[in-house]
Amino acid sequence: MMSHPLTFLVGYVLVTFILSFVAIGPLVVFVSMLFRRRMEKRYTEGIYLGASATAFAFMILHYLLYLRGYGVTNGSRLFGDLFYPSRYF
């Protein structure tokens, strides 16, 4: 049984959001605090948000490259291919 591509998309975006804001962001802040012991809170918040947003953006870029590898290259037909992939139906 094949799952719907939109199910995979929603799951992928949810997992990447959790991974980037729960795992990667705090890890980067922890490593940056190891190198500098006294750091203001606003700098750690900026590092956290910057690292998390960058990780999330790169993971979404990875998904778009994944779609390109499967032949989805026309951006205007992207949503049509997600909801009703032509090669399966």
Protein backbone atom coordinates (compact mmCIF):
# COMPACT_ATOMS: atom_id res chain seq x y z
CA MET A 1 0.00 0.00 0.00
CA MET A 2 1.40 3.37 -1.00
CA SER A 3 0.84 6.36 1.19
CA HIS A 4 -0.31 9.66 -0.23
CA PRO A 5 2.56 12.07 -1.04
CA LEU A 6 0.91 14.81 0.99
CA THR A 7 1.06 12.58 4.08
CA PHE A 8 4.80 12.27 3.59
CA LEU A 9 5.11 16.04 3.06
CA VAL A 10 3.24 16.91 6.27
CA GLY A 11 5.22 14.34 8.24
CA TYR A 12 8.51 15.55 6.78
CA VAL A 13 7.80 19.21 7.58
CA LEU A 14 6.67 18.34 11.11
CA VAL A 15 9.72 16.17 11.82
CA THR A 16 12.13 18.74 10.37
CA PHE A 17 10.54 21.51 12.44
CA ILE A 18 10.86 19.48 15.62
CA LEU A 19 14.38 18.36 14.78
CA SER A 20 15.63 21.84 13.97
CA PHE A 21 14.01 23.70 16.90
CA VAL A 22 14.31 20.99 19.57
CA ALA A 23 17.57 19.26 18.74
CA ILE A 24 19.83 21.32 16.47
CA GLY A 25 19.14 24.79 17.89
CA PRO A 26 19.84 23.90 21.55
CA LEU A 27 22.89 21.86 20.51
CA VAL A 28 24.42 24.86 18.70
CA VAL A 29 23.70 27.11 21.71
CA PHE A 30 25.32 24.57 24.04
CA VAL A 31 28.45 24.36 21.89
CA SER A 32 28.68 28.14 21.61
CA MET A 33 28.36 28.47 25.39
CA LEU A 34 31.23 26.00 25.84
CA PHE A 35 33.58 28.35 24.01
CA ARG A 36 32.38 31.49 25.73
CA ARG A 37 31.36 31.19 29.36
CA ARG A 38 29.69 34.55 29.89
CA MET A 39 27.22 35.39 27.19
CA GLU A 40 24.18 37.64 27.32
CA LYS A 41 20.79 35.99 27.00
CA ARG A 42 19.84 37.94 23.88
CA TYR A 43 22.87 36.53 22.05
CA THR A 44 21.98 32.96 22.97
CA GLU A 45 18.41 33.52 21.79
CA GLY A 46 19.71 34.90 18.50
CA ILE A 47 22.06 31.98 18.04
CA TYR A 48 19.23 29.56 18.82
CA LEU A 49 16.79 31.13 16.37
CA GLY A 50 19.40 31.56 13.65
CA ALA A 51 20.67 27.99 13.86
CA SER A 52 17.16 26.54 14.04
CA ALA A 53 15.82 28.56 11.11
CA THR A 54 18.89 27.76 9.00
CA ALA A 55 18.59 24.05 9.74
CA PHE A 56 14.87 24.12 8.90
CA ALA A 57 15.54 25.95 5.62
CA PHE A 58 18.21 23.45 4.58
CA MET A 59 15.91 20.53 5.38
CA ILE A 60 13.14 22.04 3.24
CA LEU A 61 15.71 22.57 0.46
CA HIS A 62 16.60 18.90 0.79
CA TYR A 63 12.93 17.96 0.29
CA LEU A 64 12.68 20.13 -2.83
CA LEU A 65 15.79 18.47 -4.24
CA TYR A 66 14.21 15.11 -3.37
CA LEU A 67 11.16 16.06 -5.45
CA ARG A 68 13.41 17.14 -8.31
CA GLY A 69 15.08 13.74 -8.24
CA TYR A 70 11.68 12.14 -8.80
CA GLY A 71 10.97 14.30 -11.82
CA VAL A 72 8.88 17.05 -10.21
CA THR A 73 10.56 20.04 -11.84
CA ASN A 74 7.71 22.35 -12.83
CA GLY A 75 7.03 24.61 -9.85
CA SER A 76 3.53 25.56 -11.01
CA ARG A 77 2.51 21.88 -11.12
CA LEU A 78 4.08 21.08 -7.77
CA PHE A 79 0.85 21.05 -5.75
CA GLY A 80 -0.93 19.04 -8.42
CA ASP A 81 1.82 16.45 -8.32
CA LEU A 82 1.67 16.33 -4.55
CA PHE A 83 -2.07 15.80 -4.37
CA TYR A 84 -2.42 13.59 -7.45
CA PRO A 85 0.91 12.19 -8.61
CA SER A 86 0.55 11.35 -12.30
CA ARG A 87 2.86 8.34 -12.37
CA TYR A 88 0.79 6.40 -9.79
CA PHE A 89 -2.75 7.12 -11.03
